[in-house]
Amino acid sequence: MTIKPWTTVSSRPVYENKWMSVREDIAELPDGRTTIHGVVTFGECVGILPFVDADHVVLVRQYRYVFGENHRWEMPTGGMHAGETTMQAAQRELQEEIGLRQEHVRILGRTRDWLRYEVPKQWIRREWRNTYRGQKQIWFMLRLTGRDTDVSLRASDHPEFDAWRWGALSDAPDLIVPFKRAVYD
């Protein structure tokens, strides 16, 4: 026996920002009844692992307003612009966030599938609870072919980080917020 799928009768946007969207669908069930179904969609992002050698990557430090805590070390990440491929987004983010251009790195690989995380409610300030849920990301692994002096946190008009350093990749999961650790492992 084949089960009849749910059918979307209507869809109404509820909220959208550059990181996520929320919509309310009216769905028809297989028995003809209808129900309201909430759908949360995460924005698409890229993550970048710039290796200096086999064991060390660039770590950047950023104050995380959403989490109401001190600065955190992490790898560069950023949202995709409309019409960008994941590769184009990674190259743009690398330039904007840490000043590295295509000639400063060699691409070694990327994740095949999207990696996702959700932010636990207790980590989100009350005023952000209905506007931020998490991200889905494609990660790129790069090898730095330039020099340390090519790294610049002031490459854009709106710097996001206040410090950078080389760090052991094995230490990275312990430096970031706990709910992102599965993505970094």
C-alpha atoms as a PDB file:
ATOM      1  CA  MET A   1       0.000   0.000   0.000  1.00  0.00           C
ATOM      2  CA  THR A   2       1.399   3.385  -1.004  1.00  0.00           C
ATOM      3  CA  ILE A   3       0.941   6.184   1.509  1.00  0.00           C
ATOM      4  CA  LYS A   4      -0.362   9.379  -0.042  1.00  0.00           C
ATOM      5  CA  PRO A   5       2.028  12.301   0.661  1.00  0.00           C
ATOM      6  CA  TRP A   6       0.998  15.506   2.358  1.00  0.00           C
ATOM      7  CA  THR A   7       0.066  18.257  -0.090  1.00  0.00           C
ATOM      8  CA  THR A   8       0.851  21.938   0.463  1.00  0.00           C
ATOM      9  CA  VAL A   9      -2.391  23.896   0.125  1.00  0.00           C
ATOM     10  CA  SER A  10      -0.875  27.308   0.897  1.00  0.00           C
ATOM     11  CA  SER A  11       2.317  28.823   2.207  1.00  0.00           C
ATOM     12  CA  ARG A  12       2.770  32.132   4.043  1.00  0.00           C
ATOM     13  CA  PRO A  13       6.116  33.757   4.916  1.00  0.00           C
ATOM     14  CA  VAL A  14       6.250  34.652   8.620  1.00  0.00           C
ATOM     15  CA  TYR A  15       9.795  35.985   9.065  1.00  0.00           C
ATOM     16  CA  GLU A  16      12.981  36.266   7.016  1.00  0.00           C
ATOM     17  CA  ASN A  17      16.473  37.666   7.492  1.00  0.00           C
ATOM     18  CA  LYS A  18      19.756  36.842   5.787  1.00  0.00           C
ATOM     19  CA  TRP A  19      20.383  33.834   8.063  1.00  0.00           C
ATOM     20  CA  MET A  20      17.021  32.086   8.145  1.00  0.00           C
ATOM     21  CA  SER A  21      13.357  32.151   7.147  1.00  0.00           C
ATOM     22  CA  VAL A  22      10.188  30.914   8.800  1.00  0.00           C
ATOM     23  CA  ARG A  23       6.999  30.111   6.942  1.00  0.00           C
ATOM     24  CA  GLU A  24       3.616  28.671   7.830  1.00  0.00           C
ATOM     25  CA  ASP A  25       2.204  26.054   5.470  1.00  0.00           C
ATOM     26  CA  ILE A  26      -1.318  24.699   5.392  1.00  0.00           C
ATOM     27  CA  ALA A  27      -0.917  21.043   4.482  1.00  0.00           C
ATOM     28  CA  GLU A  28      -3.551  18.534   3.452  1.00  0.00           C
ATOM     29  CA  LEU A  29      -3.073  15.166   5.142  1.00  0.00           C
ATOM     30  CA  PRO A  30      -3.689  11.879   3.293  1.00  0.00           C
ATOM     31  CA  ASP A  31      -7.159  11.602   4.905  1.00  0.00           C
ATOM     32  CA  GLY A  32      -8.209  15.046   3.605  1.00  0.00           C
ATOM     33  CA  ARG A  33      -7.868  16.961   6.882  1.00  0.00           C
ATOM     34  CA  THR A  34      -5.645  20.062   6.918  1.00  0.00           C
ATOM     35  CA  THR A  35      -3.060  21.145   9.461  1.00  0.00           C
ATOM     36  CA  ILE A  36      -0.686  24.036  10.039  1.00  0.00           C
ATOM     37  CA  HIS A  37       2.957  23.121   9.592  1.00  0.00           C
ATOM     38  CA  GLY A  38       5.779  25.492  10.594  1.00  0.00           C
ATOM     39  CA  VAL A  39       8.920  25.370   8.437  1.00  0.00           C
ATOM     40  CA  VAL A  40      12.291  26.862   9.427  1.00  0.00           C
ATOM     41  CA  THR A  41      14.908  27.195   6.679  1.00  0.00           C
ATOM     42  CA  PHE A  42      18.516  28.037   7.486  1.00  0.00           C
ATOM     43  CA  GLY A  43      20.633  30.319   5.364  1.00  0.00           C
ATOM     44  CA  GLU A  44      23.440  28.796   3.344  1.00  0.00           C
ATOM     45  CA  CYS A  45      26.946  29.490   4.594  1.00  0.00           C
ATOM     46  CA  VAL A  46      30.509  28.471   3.900  1.00  0.00           C
ATOM     47  CA  GLY A  47      33.244  27.608   6.365  1.00  0.00           C
ATOM     48  CA  ILE A  48      36.945  27.843   5.653  1.00  0.00           C
ATOM     49  CA  LEU A  49      39.804  25.777   7.106  1.00  0.00           C
ATOM     50  CA  PRO A  50      43.001  27.575   6.028  1.00  0.00           C
ATOM     51  CA  PHE A  51      45.874  25.195   6.890  1.00  0.00           C
ATOM     52  CA  VAL A  52      49.432  26.452   7.358  1.00  0.00           C
ATOM     53  CA  ASP A  53      50.733  22.885   7.747  1.00  0.00           C
ATOM     54  CA  ALA A  54      49.207  19.458   8.299  1.00  0.00           C
ATOM     55  CA  ASP A  55      48.096  20.235  11.870  1.00  0.00           C
ATOM     56  CA  HIS A  56      47.556  24.013  12.165  1.00  0.00           C
ATOM     57  CA  VAL A  57      44.818  26.336  10.869  1.00  0.00           C
ATOM     58  CA  VAL A  58      43.948  30.018  11.058  1.00  0.00           C
ATOM     59  CA  LEU A  59      41.722  30.759  14.053  1.00  0.00           C
ATOM     60  CA  VAL A  60      39.917  34.095  14.333  1.00  0.00           C
ATOM     61  CA  ARG A  61      38.502  35.702  17.459  1.00  0.00           C
ATOM     62  CA  GLN A  62      35.078  37.317  17.450  1.00  0.00           C
ATOM     63  CA  TYR A  63      32.753  38.658  20.108  1.00  0.00           C
ATOM     64  CA  ARG A  64      29.517  36.716  19.879  1.00  0.00           C
ATOM     65  CA  TYR A  65      26.693  39.114  20.754  1.00  0.00           C
ATOM     66  CA  VAL A  66      24.002  36.479  20.311  1.00  0.00           C
ATOM     67  CA  PHE A  67      25.520  34.296  22.997  1.00  0.00           C
ATOM     68  CA  GLY A  68      26.206  37.110  25.507  1.00  0.00           C
ATOM     69  CA  GLU A  69      29.653  35.909  26.376  1.00  0.00           C
ATOM     70  CA  ASN A  70      33.282  36.731  25.791  1.00  0.00           C
ATOM     71  CA  HIS A  71      35.122  36.364  22.525  1.00  0.00           C
ATOM     72  CA  ARG A  72      35.362  32.957  20.886  1.00  0.00           C
ATOM     73  CA  TRP A  73      38.000  31.465  18.613  1.00  0.00           C
ATOM     74  CA  GLU A  74      36.641  29.876  15.474  1.00  0.00           C
ATOM     75  CA  MET A  75      37.330  29.333  11.788  1.00  0.00           C
ATOM     76  CA  PRO A  76      36.212  31.942   9.233  1.00  0.00           C
ATOM     77  CA  THR A  77      32.617  31.412   8.073  1.00  0.00           C
ATOM     78  CA  GLY A  78      30.070  33.508   6.258  1.00  0.00           C
ATOM     79  CA  GLY A  79      26.770  33.607   4.454  1.00  0.00           C
ATOM     80  CA  MET A  80      26.296  33.163   0.738  1.00  0.00           C
ATOM     81  CA  HIS A  81      25.012  35.994  -1.449  1.00  0.00           C
ATOM     82  CA  ALA A  82      22.199  35.423  -3.933  1.00  0.00           C
ATOM     83  CA  GLY A  83      23.495  33.733  -7.087  1.00  0.00           C
ATOM     84  CA  GLU A  84      26.876  32.751  -5.598  1.00  0.00           C
ATOM     85  CA  THR A  85      28.295  29.260  -5.781  1.00  0.00           C
ATOM     86  CA  THR A  86      29.783  27.850  -2.597  1.00  0.00           C
ATOM     87  CA  MET A  87      33.268  28.334  -4.114  1.00  0.00           C
ATOM     88  CA  GLN A  88      32.597  31.993  -4.944  1.00  0.00           C
ATOM     89  CA  ALA A  89      31.261  32.564  -1.429  1.00  0.00           C
ATOM     90  CA  ALA A  90      34.324  30.920   0.133  1.00  0.00           C
ATOM     91  CA  GLN A  91      36.704  33.082  -1.920  1.00  0.00           C
ATOM     92  CA  ARG A  92      34.766  36.265  -1.067  1.00  0.00           C
ATOM     93  CA  GLU A  93      34.567  35.425   2.639  1.00  0.00           C
ATOM     94  CA  LEU A  94      38.265  34.566   2.770  1.00  0.00           C
ATOM     95  CA  GLN A  95      39.093  37.991   1.309  1.00  0.00           C
ATOM     96  CA  GLU A  96      36.587  39.907   3.446  1.00  0.00           C
ATOM     97  CA  GLU A  97      37.314  38.216   6.740  1.00  0.00           C
ATOM     98  CA  ILE A  98      41.041  37.541   6.745  1.00  0.00           C
ATOM     99  CA  GLY A  99      42.354  39.362   3.667  1.00  0.00           C
ATOM    100  CA  LEU A 100      43.534  36.290   1.772  1.00  0.00           C
ATOM    101  CA  ARG A 101      43.073  36.279  -1.977  1.00  0.00           C
ATOM    102  CA  GLN A 102      42.945  33.336  -4.339  1.00  0.00           C
ATOM    103  CA  GLU A 103      46.698  33.562  -5.016  1.00  0.00           C
ATOM    104  CA  HIS A 104      47.419  33.155  -1.272  1.00  0.00           C
ATOM    105  CA  VAL A 105      45.777  29.713  -0.994  1.00  0.00           C
ATOM    106  CA  ARG A 106      45.398  26.372  -2.750  1.00  0.00           C
ATOM    107  CA  ILE A 107      42.073  24.568  -2.456  1.00  0.00           C
ATOM    108  CA  LEU A 108      42.495  21.040  -1.082  1.00  0.00           C
ATOM    109  CA  GLY A 109      38.865  19.937  -0.858  1.00  0.00           C
ATOM    110  CA  ARG A 110      35.385  20.552   0.497  1.00  0.00           C
ATOM    111  CA  THR A 111      32.578  18.747   2.265  1.00  0.00           C
ATOM    112  CA  ARG A 112      30.230  16.961  -0.086  1.00  0.00           C
ATOM    113  CA  ASP A 113      27.098  17.577   1.971  1.00  0.00           C
ATOM    114  CA  TRP A 114      25.777  20.476   4.033  1.00  0.00           C
ATOM    115  CA  LEU A 115      26.738  20.332   7.714  1.00  0.00           C
ATOM    116  CA  ARG A 116      24.141  21.754  10.105  1.00  0.00           C
ATOM    117  CA  TYR A 117      23.874  22.960  13.649  1.00  0.00           C
ATOM    118  CA  GLU A 118      21.089  24.450  15.727  1.00  0.00           C
ATOM    119  CA  VAL A 119      21.639  26.881  18.546  1.00  0.00           C
ATOM    120  CA  PRO A 120      20.098  25.756  21.859  1.00  0.00           C
ATOM    121  CA  LYS A 121      17.555  28.267  23.178  1.00  0.00           C
ATOM    122  CA  GLN A 122      19.522  28.901  26.380  1.00  0.00           C
ATOM    123  CA  TRP A 123      22.422  30.231  24.242  1.00  0.00           C
ATOM    124  CA  ILE A 124      20.308  32.806  22.435  1.00  0.00           C
ATOM    125  CA  ARG A 125      19.428  36.149  23.993  1.00  0.00           C
ATOM    126  CA  ARG A 126      15.688  36.489  24.515  1.00  0.00           C
ATOM    127  CA  GLU A 127      15.320  39.246  21.896  1.00  0.00           C
ATOM    128  CA  TRP A 128      16.957  36.994  19.241  1.00  0.00           C
ATOM    129  CA  ARG A 129      15.009  33.783  19.974  1.00  0.00           C
ATOM    130  CA  ASN A 130      12.596  34.156  17.076  1.00  0.00           C
ATOM    131  CA  THR A 131      15.194  35.348  14.578  1.00  0.00           C
ATOM    132  CA  TYR A 132      18.136  32.965  14.833  1.00  0.00           C
ATOM    133  CA  ARG A 133      18.232  29.161  14.900  1.00  0.00           C
ATOM    134  CA  GLY A 134      21.505  27.957  13.374  1.00  0.00           C
ATOM    135  CA  GLN A 135      23.210  27.445  10.033  1.00  0.00           C
ATOM    136  CA  LYS A 136      23.949  24.949   7.322  1.00  0.00           C
ATOM    137  CA  GLN A 137      27.447  25.086   5.891  1.00  0.00           C
ATOM    138  CA  ILE A 138      29.739  23.711   3.204  1.00  0.00           C
ATOM    139  CA  TRP A 139      33.345  23.660   4.462  1.00  0.00           C
ATOM    140  CA  PHE A 140      36.446  24.239   2.316  1.00  0.00           C
ATOM    141  CA  MET A 141      39.925  23.039   3.220  1.00  0.00           C
ATOM    142  CA  LEU A 142      42.721  25.294   1.939  1.00  0.00           C
ATOM    143  CA  ARG A 143      46.500  25.395   2.200  1.00  0.00           C
ATOM    144  CA  LEU A 144      48.092  28.785   2.777  1.00  0.00           C
ATOM    145  CA  THR A 145      50.664  29.364   0.035  1.00  0.00           C
ATOM    146  CA  GLY A 146      51.269  33.014   0.943  1.00  0.00           C
ATOM    147  CA  ARG A 147      52.872  34.529   4.033  1.00  0.00           C
ATOM    148  CA  ASP A 148      51.576  35.357   7.507  1.00  0.00           C
ATOM    149  CA  THR A 149      51.715  39.023   6.530  1.00  0.00           C
ATOM    150  CA  ASP A 150      49.065  38.360   3.849  1.00  0.00           C
ATOM    151  CA  VAL A 151      46.493  37.816   6.622  1.00  0.00           C
ATOM    152  CA  SER A 152      44.628  41.047   7.321  1.00  0.00           C
ATOM    153  CA  LEU A 153      41.625  41.468   9.601  1.00  0.00           C
ATOM    154  CA  ARG A 154      41.038  44.946   8.151  1.00  0.00           C
ATOM    155  CA  ALA A 155      40.517  43.860   4.524  1.00  0.00           C
ATOM    156  CA  SER A 156      36.873  44.970   4.550  1.00  0.00           C
ATOM    157  CA  ASP A 157      35.095  48.114   5.683  1.00  0.00           C
ATOM    158  CA  HIS A 158      33.357  46.089   8.404  1.00  0.00           C
ATOM    159  CA  PRO A 159      35.908  43.880  10.207  1.00  0.00           C
ATOM    160  CA  GLU A 160      34.357  41.014  12.162  1.00  0.00           C
ATOM    161  CA  PHE A 161      37.381  39.824  14.115  1.00  0.00           C
ATOM    162  CA  ASP A 162      39.775  41.445  16.554  1.00  0.00           C
ATOM    163  CA  ALA A 163      42.588  38.862  16.520  1.00  0.00           C
ATOM    164  CA  TRP A 164      43.895  35.844  14.652  1.00  0.00           C
ATOM    165  CA  ARG A 165      46.434  33.105  15.308  1.00  0.00           C
ATOM    166  CA  TRP A 166      47.618  29.750  14.092  1.00  0.00           C
ATOM    167  CA  GLY A 167      46.097  27.014  16.194  1.00  0.00           C
ATOM    168  CA  ALA A 168      46.198  23.252  16.296  1.00  0.00           C
ATOM    169  CA  LEU A 169      43.199  21.826  14.455  1.00  0.00           C
ATOM    170  CA  SER A 170      42.844  19.246  17.230  1.00  0.00           C
ATOM    171  CA  ASP A 171      42.311  22.091  19.771  1.00  0.00           C
ATOM    172  CA  ALA A 172      39.648  23.926  17.731  1.00  0.00           C
ATOM    173  CA  PRO A 173      36.588  22.001  18.978  1.00  0.00           C
ATOM    174  CA  ASP A 174      37.435  22.906  22.588  1.00  0.00           C
ATOM    175  CA  LEU A 175      37.705  26.619  21.747  1.00  0.00           C
ATOM    176  CA  ILE A 176      34.338  27.087  20.073  1.00  0.00           C
ATOM    177  CA  VAL A 177      30.798  27.107  21.439  1.00  0.00           C
ATOM    178  CA  PRO A 178      29.723  23.564  22.387  1.00  0.00           C
ATOM    179  CA  PHE A 179      26.750  23.236  20.013  1.00  0.00           C
ATOM    180  CA  LYS A 180      29.025  23.783  16.961  1.00  0.00           C
ATOM    181  CA  ARG A 181      31.491  21.046  17.952  1.00  0.00           C
ATOM    182  CA  ALA A 182      29.848  18.320  15.886  1.00  0.00           C
ATOM    183  CA  VAL A 183      30.462  20.420  12.751  1.00  0.00           C
ATOM    184  CA  TYR A 184      34.135  20.885  13.670  1.00  0.00           C
ATOM    185  CA  ASP A 185      34.700  17.205  14.505  1.00  0.00           C
END
